[in-house]
PDB file of N, CA and C in Angstrom:
ATOM      1  N   MET A   1      -0.709 -22.919  69.434  1.00  0.00           N
ATOM      2  CA  MET A   1       0.164 -23.598  69.545  1.00  0.00           C
ATOM      3  C   MET A   1       1.299 -23.679  68.174  1.00  0.00           C
ATOM      4  N   SER A   2       2.649 -23.037  68.488  1.00  0.00           N
ATOM      5  CA  SER A   2       3.468 -23.501  67.530  1.00  0.00           C
ATOM      6  C   SER A   2       4.329 -24.582  67.152  1.00  0.00           C
ATOM      7  N   SER A   3       4.990 -24.406  66.208  1.00  0.00           N
ATOM      8  CA  SER A   3       5.872 -25.525  65.558  1.00  0.00           C
ATOM      9  C   SER A   3       7.261 -25.428  64.891  1.00  0.00           C
ATOM     10  N   ALA A   4       8.219 -25.906  65.255  1.00  0.00           N
ATOM     11  CA  ALA A   4       8.894 -25.234  64.707  1.00  0.00           C
ATOM     12  C   ALA A   4       9.884 -26.474  62.972  1.00  0.00           C
ATOM     13  N   ILE A   5      10.577 -25.684  62.199  1.00  0.00           N
ATOM     14  CA  ILE A   5      11.138 -25.919  61.518  1.00  0.00           C
ATOM     15  C   ILE A   5      12.412 -25.779  61.576  1.00  0.00           C
ATOM     16  N   PHE A   6      13.375 -26.753  61.392  1.00  0.00           N
ATOM     17  CA  PHE A   6      14.852 -26.753  61.643  1.00  0.00           C
ATOM     18  C   PHE A   6      15.585 -26.877  60.074  1.00  0.00           C
ATOM     19  N   PHE A   7      15.946 -25.460  59.998  1.00  0.00           N
ATOM     20  CA  PHE A   7      16.864 -25.526  58.365  1.00  0.00           C
ATOM     21  C   PHE A   7      18.471 -26.141  58.642  1.00  0.00           C
ATOM     22  N   HIS A   8      18.802 -26.674  58.001  1.00  0.00           N
ATOM     23  CA  HIS A   8      20.226 -27.332  57.967  1.00  0.00           C
ATOM     24  C   HIS A   8      20.900 -26.758  56.498  1.00  0.00           C
ATOM     25  N   THR A   9      21.716 -26.272  56.548  1.00  0.00           N
ATOM     26  CA  THR A   9      22.633 -25.683  55.641  1.00  0.00           C
ATOM     27  C   THR A   9      24.569 -26.006  55.764  1.00  0.00           C
ATOM     28  N   SER A  10      25.031 -26.030  54.555  1.00  0.00           N
ATOM     29  CA  SER A  10      26.389 -26.160  54.438  1.00  0.00           C
ATOM     30  C   SER A  10      27.175 -24.756  54.139  1.00  0.00           C
ATOM     31  N   LEU A  11      26.258 -23.942  54.805  1.00  0.00           N
ATOM     32  CA  LEU A  11      26.796 -22.336  54.833  1.00  0.00           C
ATOM     33  C   LEU A  11      27.633 -22.123  56.052  1.00  0.00           C
ATOM     34  N   ASP A  12      28.882 -21.314  56.197  1.00  0.00           N
ATOM     35  CA  ASP A  12      28.882 -20.944  57.326  1.00  0.00           C
ATOM     36  C   ASP A  12      28.235 -20.150  58.090  1.00  0.00           C
ATOM     37  N   VAL A  13      28.285 -19.395  59.469  1.00  0.00           N
ATOM     38  CA  VAL A  13      27.476 -18.576  60.082  1.00  0.00           C
ATOM     39  C   VAL A  13      27.252 -17.637  59.291  1.00  0.00           C
ATOM     40  N   LYS A  14      27.944 -16.421  58.964  1.00  0.00           N
ATOM     41  CA  LYS A  14      28.005 -15.465  58.552  1.00  0.00           C
ATOM     42  C   LYS A  14      27.377 -15.252  57.472  1.00  0.00           C
ATOM     43  N   GLU A  15      27.780 -16.542  56.118  1.00  0.00           N
ATOM     44  CA  GLU A  15      26.974 -16.235  54.932  1.00  0.00           C
ATOM     45  C   GLU A  15      25.668 -16.607  55.372  1.00  0.00           C
ATOM     46  N   LEU A  16      25.284 -17.267  56.064  1.00  0.00           N
ATOM     47  CA  LEU A  16      23.753 -17.648  56.212  1.00  0.00           C
ATOM     48  C   LEU A  16      23.005 -16.260  56.839  1.00  0.00           C
ATOM     49  N   GLU A  17      23.919 -15.803  57.924  1.00  0.00           N
ATOM     50  CA  GLU A  17      23.052 -14.627  58.165  1.00  0.00           C
ATOM     51  C   GLU A  17      22.859 -13.685  57.124  1.00  0.00           C
ATOM     52  N   LYS A  18      23.843 -13.395  56.194  1.00  0.00           N
ATOM     53  CA  LYS A  18      23.709 -12.025  55.366  1.00  0.00           C
ATOM     54  C   LYS A  18      22.958 -13.002  54.295  1.00  0.00           C
ATOM     55  N   ARG A  19      22.667 -14.110  54.096  1.00  0.00           N
ATOM     56  CA  ARG A  19      21.618 -14.883  52.898  1.00  0.00           C
ATOM     57  C   ARG A  19      20.158 -14.716  53.721  1.00  0.00           C
ATOM     58  N   LEU A  20      19.763 -15.365  54.965  1.00  0.00           N
ATOM     59  CA  LEU A  20      18.692 -14.924  55.319  1.00  0.00           C
ATOM     60  C   LEU A  20      18.012 -13.469  55.544  1.00  0.00           C
ATOM     61  N   LYS A  21      18.639 -12.232  56.076  1.00  0.00           N
ATOM     62  CA  LYS A  21      18.545 -10.977  55.542  1.00  0.00           C
ATOM     63  C   LYS A  21      18.076 -10.579  54.137  1.00  0.00           C
ATOM     64  N   GLN A  22      18.377 -10.990  53.389  1.00  0.00           N
ATOM     65  CA  GLN A  22      17.954 -11.187  51.944  1.00  0.00           C
ATOM     66  C   GLN A  22      16.944 -11.728  52.018  1.00  0.00           C
ATOM     67  N   ILE A  23      16.761 -12.757  52.359  1.00  0.00           N
ATOM     68  CA  ILE A  23      15.343 -13.122  51.943  1.00  0.00           C
ATOM     69  C   ILE A  23      14.468 -12.813  52.963  1.00  0.00           C
ATOM     70  N   GLU A  24      14.627 -12.280  53.570  1.00  0.00           N
ATOM     71  CA  GLU A  24      13.284 -11.617  54.585  1.00  0.00           C
ATOM     72  C   GLU A  24      13.163 -10.263  54.166  1.00  0.00           C
ATOM     73  N   ALA A  25      14.083  -9.885  53.404  1.00  0.00           N
ATOM     74  CA  ALA A  25      13.829  -8.608  52.809  1.00  0.00           C
ATOM     75  C   ALA A  25      13.049  -8.536  51.292  1.00  0.00           C
ATOM     76  N   LYS A  26      13.301  -9.334  50.931  1.00  0.00           N
ATOM     77  CA  LYS A  26      12.393  -9.636  49.435  1.00  0.00           C
ATOM     78  C   LYS A  26      10.937 -10.390  49.615  1.00  0.00           C
ATOM     79  N   HIS A  27      10.777 -11.277  51.259  1.00  0.00           N
ATOM     80  CA  HIS A  27       9.662 -12.093  51.305  1.00  0.00           C
ATOM     81  C   HIS A  27       9.307 -11.394  52.608  1.00  0.00           C
ATOM     82  N   PRO A  28       8.727  -9.865  53.419  1.00  0.00           N
ATOM     83  CA  PRO A  28       8.975  -9.432  54.457  1.00  0.00           C
ATOM     84  C   PRO A  28       7.704  -9.924  55.067  1.00  0.00           C
ATOM     85  N   GLU A  29       6.257 -10.040  54.386  1.00  0.00           N
ATOM     86  CA  GLU A  29       5.026 -10.366  54.402  1.00  0.00           C
ATOM     87  C   GLU A  29       4.676 -11.759  54.836  1.00  0.00           C
ATOM     88  N   LEU A  30       5.380 -12.873  54.035  1.00  0.00           N
ATOM     89  CA  LEU A  30       5.276 -13.960  54.946  1.00  0.00           C
ATOM     90  C   LEU A  30       6.178 -14.131  56.009  1.00  0.00           C
ATOM     91  N   PHE A  31       7.238 -13.433  55.912  1.00  0.00           N
ATOM     92  CA  PHE A  31       7.912 -14.308  57.509  1.00  0.00           C
ATOM     93  C   PHE A  31       7.773 -13.014  58.570  1.00  0.00           C
ATOM     94  N   GLU A  32       6.879 -12.061  58.382  1.00  0.00           N
ATOM     95  CA  GLU A  32       6.608 -11.275  59.613  1.00  0.00           C
ATOM     96  C   GLU A  32       5.113 -12.041  60.285  1.00  0.00           C
ATOM     97  N   ILE A  33       4.480 -12.492  59.219  1.00  0.00           N
ATOM     98  CA  ILE A  33       3.064 -12.779  59.865  1.00  0.00           C
ATOM     99  C   ILE A  33       3.460 -14.524  60.266  1.00  0.00           C
ATOM    100  N   TYR A  34       3.796 -15.471  59.359  1.00  0.00           N
ATOM    101  CA  TYR A  34       3.969 -16.950  59.484  1.00  0.00           C
ATOM    102  C   TYR A  34       5.771 -17.488  59.817  1.00  0.00           C
ATOM    103  N   PHE A  35       6.517 -17.119  60.082  1.00  0.00           N
ATOM    104  CA  PHE A  35       7.332 -17.276  60.380  1.00  0.00           C
ATOM    105  C   PHE A  35       8.335 -16.366  61.333  1.00  0.00           C
ATOM    106  N   GLN A  36       8.821 -17.007  62.538  1.00  0.00           N
ATOM    107  CA  GLN A  36       9.697 -15.812  63.070  1.00  0.00           C
ATOM    108  C   GLN A  36      10.986 -16.659  63.330  1.00  0.00           C
ATOM    109  N   ILE A  37      12.012 -16.167  62.910  1.00  0.00           N
ATOM    110  CA  ILE A  37      13.441 -16.944  62.211  1.00  0.00           C
ATOM    111  C   ILE A  37      14.309 -16.807  63.391  1.00  0.00           C
ATOM    112  N   ASP A  38      14.952 -17.572  63.899  1.00  0.00           N
ATOM    113  CA  ASP A  38      15.775 -17.341  64.625  1.00  0.00           C
ATOM    114  C   ASP A  38      17.172 -17.119  64.243  1.00  0.00           C
ATOM    115  N   PRO A  39      18.234 -16.639  65.115  1.00  0.00           N
ATOM    116  CA  PRO A  39      19.633 -16.411  64.186  1.00  0.00           C
ATOM    117  C   PRO A  39      20.044 -17.689  64.298  1.00  0.00           C
ATOM    118  N   PRO A  40      20.692 -17.495  63.251  1.00  0.00           N
ATOM    119  CA  PRO A  40      21.466 -19.114  62.667  1.00  0.00           C
ATOM    120  C   PRO A  40      22.626 -19.423  64.038  1.00  0.00           C
ATOM    121  N   LEU A  41      22.696 -20.523  63.607  1.00  0.00           N
ATOM    122  CA  LEU A  41      23.944 -21.390  64.759  1.00  0.00           C
ATOM    123  C   LEU A  41      25.134 -21.908  63.805  1.00  0.00           C
ATOM    124  N   ALA A  42      25.992 -22.456  64.556  1.00  0.00           N
ATOM    125  CA  ALA A  42      27.129 -23.359  64.112  1.00  0.00           C
ATOM    126  C   ALA A  42      26.634 -24.181  64.373  1.00  0.00           C
ATOM    127  N   SER A  43      26.521 -25.657  63.388  1.00  0.00           N
ATOM    128  CA  SER A  43      26.198 -26.935  64.058  1.00  0.00           C
ATOM    129  C   SER A  43      27.401 -27.968  64.720  1.00  0.00           C
ATOM    130  N   ASP A  44      27.171 -28.029  66.020  1.00  0.00           N
ATOM    131  CA  ASP A  44      28.195 -28.714  66.612  1.00  0.00           C
ATOM    132  C   ASP A  44      28.249 -30.072  66.576  1.00  0.00           C
ATOM    133  N   ARG A  45      28.661 -30.652  67.152  1.00  0.00           N
ATOM    134  CA  ARG A  45      29.046 -32.630  67.093  1.00  0.00           C
ATOM    135  C   ARG A  45      28.082 -33.063  67.167  1.00  0.00           C
ATOM    136  N   GLU A  46      27.005 -32.723  68.565  1.00  0.00           N
ATOM    137  CA  GLU A  46      26.089 -33.020  68.921  1.00  0.00           C
ATOM    138  C   GLU A  46      24.876 -33.164  67.601  1.00  0.00           C
ATOM    139  N   THR A  47      24.716 -31.816  67.269  1.00  0.00           N
ATOM    140  CA  THR A  47      23.790 -31.712  65.587  1.00  0.00           C
ATOM    141  C   THR A  47      24.436 -32.597  64.416  1.00  0.00           C
ATOM    142  N   LYS A  48      25.347 -32.600  64.787  1.00  0.00           N
ATOM    143  CA  LYS A  48      25.737 -33.419  63.021  1.00  0.00           C
ATOM    144  C   LYS A  48      25.291 -35.251  63.702  1.00  0.00           C
ATOM    145  N   GLU A  49      25.480 -35.532  64.831  1.00  0.00           N
ATOM    146  CA  GLU A  49      25.122 -37.204  65.277  1.00  0.00           C
ATOM    147  C   GLU A  49      23.487 -37.266  65.411  1.00  0.00           C
ATOM    148  N   VAL A  50      22.779 -36.012  65.621  1.00  0.00           N
ATOM    149  CA  VAL A  50      21.703 -36.411  65.692  1.00  0.00           C
ATOM    150  C   VAL A  50      21.138 -36.507  64.123  1.00  0.00           C
ATOM    151  N   MET A  51      21.504 -36.009  63.536  1.00  0.00           N
ATOM    152  CA  MET A  51      21.004 -36.049  62.120  1.00  0.00           C
ATOM    153  C   MET A  51      21.439 -37.165  61.373  1.00  0.00           C
ATOM    154  N   LEU A  52      22.695 -37.739  61.837  1.00  0.00           N
ATOM    155  CA  LEU A  52      23.098 -39.153  61.349  1.00  0.00           C
ATOM    156  C   LEU A  52      22.663 -40.297  61.946  1.00  0.00           C
ATOM    157  N   GLU A  53      22.088 -39.838  63.619  1.00  0.00           N
ATOM    158  CA  GLU A  53      20.874 -41.150  63.664  1.00  0.00           C
ATOM    159  C   GLU A  53      19.852 -41.042  63.402  1.00  0.00           C
ATOM    160  N   GLN A  54      18.982 -40.109  62.730  1.00  0.00           N
ATOM    161  CA  GLN A  54      17.887 -40.090  62.101  1.00  0.00           C
ATOM    162  C   GLN A  54      18.237 -40.550  60.612  1.00  0.00           C
ATOM    163  N   GLY A  55      19.288 -40.949  60.199  1.00  0.00           N
ATOM    164  CA  GLY A  55      19.173 -41.216  59.086  1.00  0.00           C
ATOM    165  C   GLY A  55      19.265 -40.404  57.540  1.00  0.00           C
ATOM    166  N   PHE A  56      19.827 -38.876  57.992  1.00  0.00           N
ATOM    167  CA  PHE A  56      20.252 -37.996  57.304  1.00  0.00           C
ATOM    168  C   PHE A  56      21.307 -38.165  56.577  1.00  0.00           C
ATOM    169  N   ASP A  57      22.193 -38.069  55.661  1.00  0.00           N
ATOM    170  CA  ASP A  57      23.533 -38.087  55.058  1.00  0.00           C
ATOM    171  C   ASP A  57      23.774 -37.021  54.805  1.00  0.00           C
ATOM    172  N   PHE A  58      23.879 -36.064  55.678  1.00  0.00           N
ATOM    173  CA  PHE A  58      24.276 -34.211  55.357  1.00  0.00           C
ATOM    174  C   PHE A  58      25.083 -33.649  56.410  1.00  0.00           C
ATOM    175  N   ASP A  59      25.963 -33.362  55.964  1.00  0.00           N
ATOM    176  CA  ASP A  59      27.177 -32.610  56.845  1.00  0.00           C
ATOM    177  C   ASP A  59      26.675 -31.235  56.944  1.00  0.00           C
ATOM    178  N   THR A  60      25.837 -31.477  57.930  1.00  0.00           N
ATOM    179  CA  THR A  60      25.093 -29.635  58.331  1.00  0.00           C
ATOM    180  C   THR A  60      26.516 -28.899  58.870  1.00  0.00           C
ATOM    181  N   VAL A  61      26.723 -27.647  58.489  1.00  0.00           N
ATOM    182  CA  VAL A  61      27.599 -27.033  59.459  1.00  0.00           C
ATOM    183  C   VAL A  61      26.851 -25.407  59.987  1.00  0.00           C
ATOM    184  N   SER A  62      25.765 -25.397  59.593  1.00  0.00           N
ATOM    185  CA  SER A  62      24.836 -24.093  60.287  1.00  0.00           C
ATOM    186  C   SER A  62      23.525 -24.404  60.002  1.00  0.00           C
ATOM    187  N   PHE A  63      22.949 -23.867  61.106  1.00  0.00           N
ATOM    188  CA  PHE A  63      21.260 -24.503  60.868  1.00  0.00           C
ATOM    189  C   PHE A  63      20.850 -22.936  61.587  1.00  0.00           C
ATOM    190  N   PHE A  64      19.203 -23.123  61.350  1.00  0.00           N
ATOM    191  CA  PHE A  64      18.499 -21.742  61.800  1.00  0.00           C
ATOM    192  C   PHE A  64      17.260 -22.417  62.265  1.00  0.00           C
ATOM    193  N   MET A  65      16.681 -21.769  63.176  1.00  0.00           N
ATOM    194  CA  MET A  65      14.849 -22.776  63.125  1.00  0.00           C
ATOM    195  C   MET A  65      14.012 -21.508  62.832  1.00  0.00           C
ATOM    196  N   ALA A  66      12.862 -21.661  62.239  1.00  0.00           N
ATOM    197  CA  ALA A  66      11.905 -20.805  61.954  1.00  0.00           C
ATOM    198  C   ALA A  66      10.680 -21.718  62.413  1.00  0.00           C
ATOM    199  N   ASP A  67       9.917 -20.808  64.090  1.00  0.00           N
ATOM    200  CA  ASP A  67       8.783 -20.980  64.490  1.00  0.00           C
ATOM    201  C   ASP A  67       7.328 -20.499  63.681  1.00  0.00           C
ATOM    202  N   LEU A  68       6.616 -21.382  63.566  1.00  0.00           N
ATOM    203  CA  LEU A  68       5.429 -21.266  62.916  1.00  0.00           C
ATOM    204  C   LEU A  68       4.644 -20.841  63.379  1.00  0.00           C
ATOM    205  N   ARG A  69       4.204 -19.467  63.711  1.00  0.00           N
ATOM    206  CA  ARG A  69       3.361 -18.730  64.731  1.00  0.00           C
ATOM    207  C   ARG A  69       2.015 -19.242  64.427  1.00  0.00           C
ATOM    208  N   ASN A  70       1.566 -19.499  63.246  1.00  0.00           N
ATOM    209  CA  ASN A  70       0.241 -19.802  62.684  1.00  0.00           C
ATOM    210  C   ASN A  70       0.246 -20.910  62.219  1.00  0.00           C
ATOM    211  N   GLU A  71      -0.388 -21.475  62.297  1.00  0.00           N
ATOM    212  CA  GLU A  71      -0.557 -23.558  61.599  1.00  0.00           C
ATOM    213  C   GLU A  71      -1.551 -23.107  60.560  1.00  0.00           C
ATOM    214  N   HIS A  72      -0.791 -22.517  59.218  1.00  0.00           N
ATOM    215  CA  HIS A  72      -1.250 -22.034  58.064  1.00  0.00           C
ATOM    216  C   HIS A  72      -0.551 -23.295  56.715  1.00  0.00           C
ATOM    217  N   ASP A  73      -1.276 -24.547  57.281  1.00  0.00           N
ATOM    218  CA  ASP A  73      -0.404 -25.307  56.026  1.00  0.00           C
ATOM    219  C   ASP A  73      -0.055 -24.831  54.342  1.00  0.00           C
ATOM    220  N   VAL A  74      -0.842 -24.090  54.128  1.00  0.00           N
ATOM    221  CA  VAL A  74      -0.011 -23.401  52.730  1.00  0.00           C
ATOM    222  C   VAL A  74       0.900 -22.405  52.935  1.00  0.00           C
ATOM    223  N   ALA A  75       0.921 -21.577  53.873  1.00  0.00           N
ATOM    224  CA  ALA A  75       2.048 -20.369  54.076  1.00  0.00           C
ATOM    225  C   ALA A  75       3.148 -21.487  54.945  1.00  0.00           C
ATOM    226  N   ASP A  76       2.890 -22.042  55.217  1.00  0.00           N
ATOM    227  CA  ASP A  76       4.145 -22.724  55.648  1.00  0.00           C
ATOM    228  C   ASP A  76       4.808 -23.646  54.893  1.00  0.00           C
ATOM    229  N   GLN A  77       4.175 -24.228  53.550  1.00  0.00           N
ATOM    230  CA  GLN A  77       4.829 -24.898  52.549  1.00  0.00           C
ATOM    231  C   GLN A  77       5.305 -23.805  51.558  1.00  0.00           C
ATOM    232  N   ASP A  78       4.595 -22.789  51.448  1.00  0.00           N
ATOM    233  CA  ASP A  78       5.184 -21.974  50.772  1.00  0.00           C
ATOM    234  C   ASP A  78       6.702 -21.084  51.373  1.00  0.00           C
ATOM    235  N   GLY A  79       6.570 -20.843  52.336  1.00  0.00           N
ATOM    236  CA  GLY A  79       7.938 -20.628  53.392  1.00  0.00           C
ATOM    237  C   GLY A  79       8.905 -21.276  52.968  1.00  0.00           C
ATOM    238  N   VAL A  80       8.815 -22.959  53.024  1.00  0.00           N
ATOM    239  CA  VAL A  80       9.540 -23.762  53.232  1.00  0.00           C
ATOM    240  C   VAL A  80      10.411 -23.894  51.633  1.00  0.00           C
ATOM    241  N   ASP A  81       9.043 -23.801  50.503  1.00  0.00           N
ATOM    242  CA  ASP A  81       9.602 -23.668  49.079  1.00  0.00           C
ATOM    243  C   ASP A  81      10.074 -22.223  48.902  1.00  0.00           C
ATOM    244  N   ILE A  82      10.342 -21.379  49.180  1.00  0.00           N
ATOM    245  CA  ILE A  82      10.734 -20.097  49.039  1.00  0.00           C
ATOM    246  C   ILE A  82      12.042 -20.736  49.306  1.00  0.00           C
ATOM    247  N   LEU A  83      12.619 -20.934  50.702  1.00  0.00           N
ATOM    248  CA  LEU A  83      13.552 -21.061  51.179  1.00  0.00           C
ATOM    249  C   LEU A  83      14.439 -22.095  50.355  1.00  0.00           C
ATOM    250  N   LYS A  84      14.135 -23.006  50.253  1.00  0.00           N
ATOM    251  CA  LYS A  84      14.674 -24.150  49.021  1.00  0.00           C
ATOM    252  C   LYS A  84      15.128 -23.562  47.912  1.00  0.00           C
ATOM    253  N   ARG A  85      14.211 -22.936  47.754  1.00  0.00           N
ATOM    254  CA  ARG A  85      14.786 -22.236  46.016  1.00  0.00           C
ATOM    255  C   ARG A  85      16.063 -20.981  46.250  1.00  0.00           C
ATOM    256  N   GLU A  86      15.902 -20.133  47.438  1.00  0.00           N
ATOM    257  CA  GLU A  86      17.136 -19.332  47.903  1.00  0.00           C
ATOM    258  C   GLU A  86      18.107 -19.941  48.292  1.00  0.00           C
ATOM    259  N   PHE A  87      18.060 -21.061  48.635  1.00  0.00           N
ATOM    260  CA  PHE A  87      19.333 -21.891  49.082  1.00  0.00           C
ATOM    261  C   PHE A  87      19.844 -23.072  48.277  1.00  0.00           C
ATOM    262  N   SER A  88      19.097 -22.921  46.965  1.00  0.00           N
ATOM    263  CA  SER A  88      19.411 -24.103  45.880  1.00  0.00           C
ATOM    264  C   SER A  88      20.591 -24.330  45.584  1.00  0.00           C
ATOM    265  N   ASP A  89      21.783 -23.317  45.834  1.00  0.00           N
ATOM    266  CA  ASP A  89      23.095 -23.675  45.372  1.00  0.00           C
ATOM    267  C   ASP A  89      23.974 -23.871  46.315  1.00  0.00           C
ATOM    268  N   VAL A  90      23.309 -24.359  47.397  1.00  0.00           N
ATOM    269  CA  VAL A  90      23.912 -25.077  48.720  1.00  0.00           C
ATOM    270  C   VAL A  90      23.714 -26.511  49.231  1.00  0.00           C
ATOM    271  N   GLU A  91      23.804 -27.147  50.120  1.00  0.00           N
ATOM    272  CA  GLU A  91      23.223 -27.985  50.296  1.00  0.00           C
ATOM    273  C   GLU A  91      22.488 -28.268  51.603  1.00  0.00           C
ATOM    274  N   PHE A  92      21.397 -28.122  51.531  1.00  0.00           N
ATOM    275  CA  PHE A  92      20.262 -27.169  52.238  1.00  0.00           C
ATOM    276  C   PHE A  92      18.590 -28.495  52.702  1.00  0.00           C
ATOM    277  N   ILE A  93      18.738 -28.574  53.923  1.00  0.00           N
ATOM    278  CA  ILE A  93      17.551 -29.538  54.100  1.00  0.00           C
ATOM    279  C   ILE A  93      16.538 -28.981  55.270  1.00  0.00           C
ATOM    280  N   ALA A  94      15.264 -29.227  55.155  1.00  0.00           N
ATOM    281  CA  ALA A  94      14.178 -28.550  55.985  1.00  0.00           C
ATOM    282  C   ALA A  94      13.221 -29.733  56.894  1.00  0.00           C
ATOM    283  N   LEU A  95      13.834 -29.370  58.053  1.00  0.00           N
ATOM    284  CA  LEU A  95      13.118 -30.831  58.964  1.00  0.00           C
ATOM    285  C   LEU A  95      12.130 -30.235  59.828  1.00  0.00           C
ATOM    286  N   PHE A  96      10.877 -30.764  59.462  1.00  0.00           N
ATOM    287  CA  PHE A  96      10.011 -30.291  60.711  1.00  0.00           C
ATOM    288  C   PHE A  96      10.057 -30.995  62.058  1.00  0.00           C
ATOM    289  N   GLN A  97      10.164 -29.692  63.160  1.00  0.00           N
ATOM    290  CA  GLN A  97      10.605 -30.556  64.444  1.00  0.00           C
ATOM    291  C   GLN A  97      11.894 -31.087  64.654  1.00  0.00           C
ATOM    292  N   ASN A  98      12.774 -30.779  63.726  1.00  0.00           N
ATOM    293  CA  ASN A  98      13.858 -31.418  63.368  1.00  0.00           C
ATOM    294  C   ASN A  98      14.158 -33.107  63.234  1.00  0.00           C
ATOM    295  N   GLU A  99      12.716 -33.241  62.629  1.00  0.00           N
ATOM    296  CA  GLU A  99      12.809 -34.703  62.438  1.00  0.00           C
ATOM    297  C   GLU A  99      12.304 -35.197  61.186  1.00  0.00           C
ATOM    298  N   THR A 100      11.494 -34.831  60.808  1.00  0.00           N
ATOM    299  CA  THR A 100      10.939 -35.597  59.429  1.00  0.00           C
ATOM    300  C   THR A 100      11.145 -34.216  57.924  1.00  0.00           C
ATOM    301  N   ILE A 101      11.318 -35.063  56.859  1.00  0.00           N
ATOM    302  CA  ILE A 101      11.814 -33.944  56.120  1.00  0.00           C
ATOM    303  C   ILE A 101      10.781 -33.078  55.112  1.00  0.00           C
ATOM    304  N   MET A 102      10.686 -32.200  55.064  1.00  0.00           N
ATOM    305  CA  MET A 102       9.807 -31.465  54.393  1.00  0.00           C
ATOM    306  C   MET A 102      10.112 -31.314  52.566  1.00  0.00           C
TER     307      MET A 102
END
């Protein structure tokens, strides 16, 4: 059984794609074993409304999902921490199942 983490950013989709490729190149073992990252998408009005309804004051421009193929708590949090560091220069939020902040 797998779970998903949704990552919302303030970057446009093209810039987010570029940054994700760089991150995956730097950390291939983590992302090949534990995370399957889906292609980024532009946040639409519905996505923004869901964020507001859940109480997140965050203007999401783009997002991507990472499927956690294995339920390894340490690796999951390591992956989230790596992504938070890599995106520390922009608005970035990680939500488990798109509901709970990580």
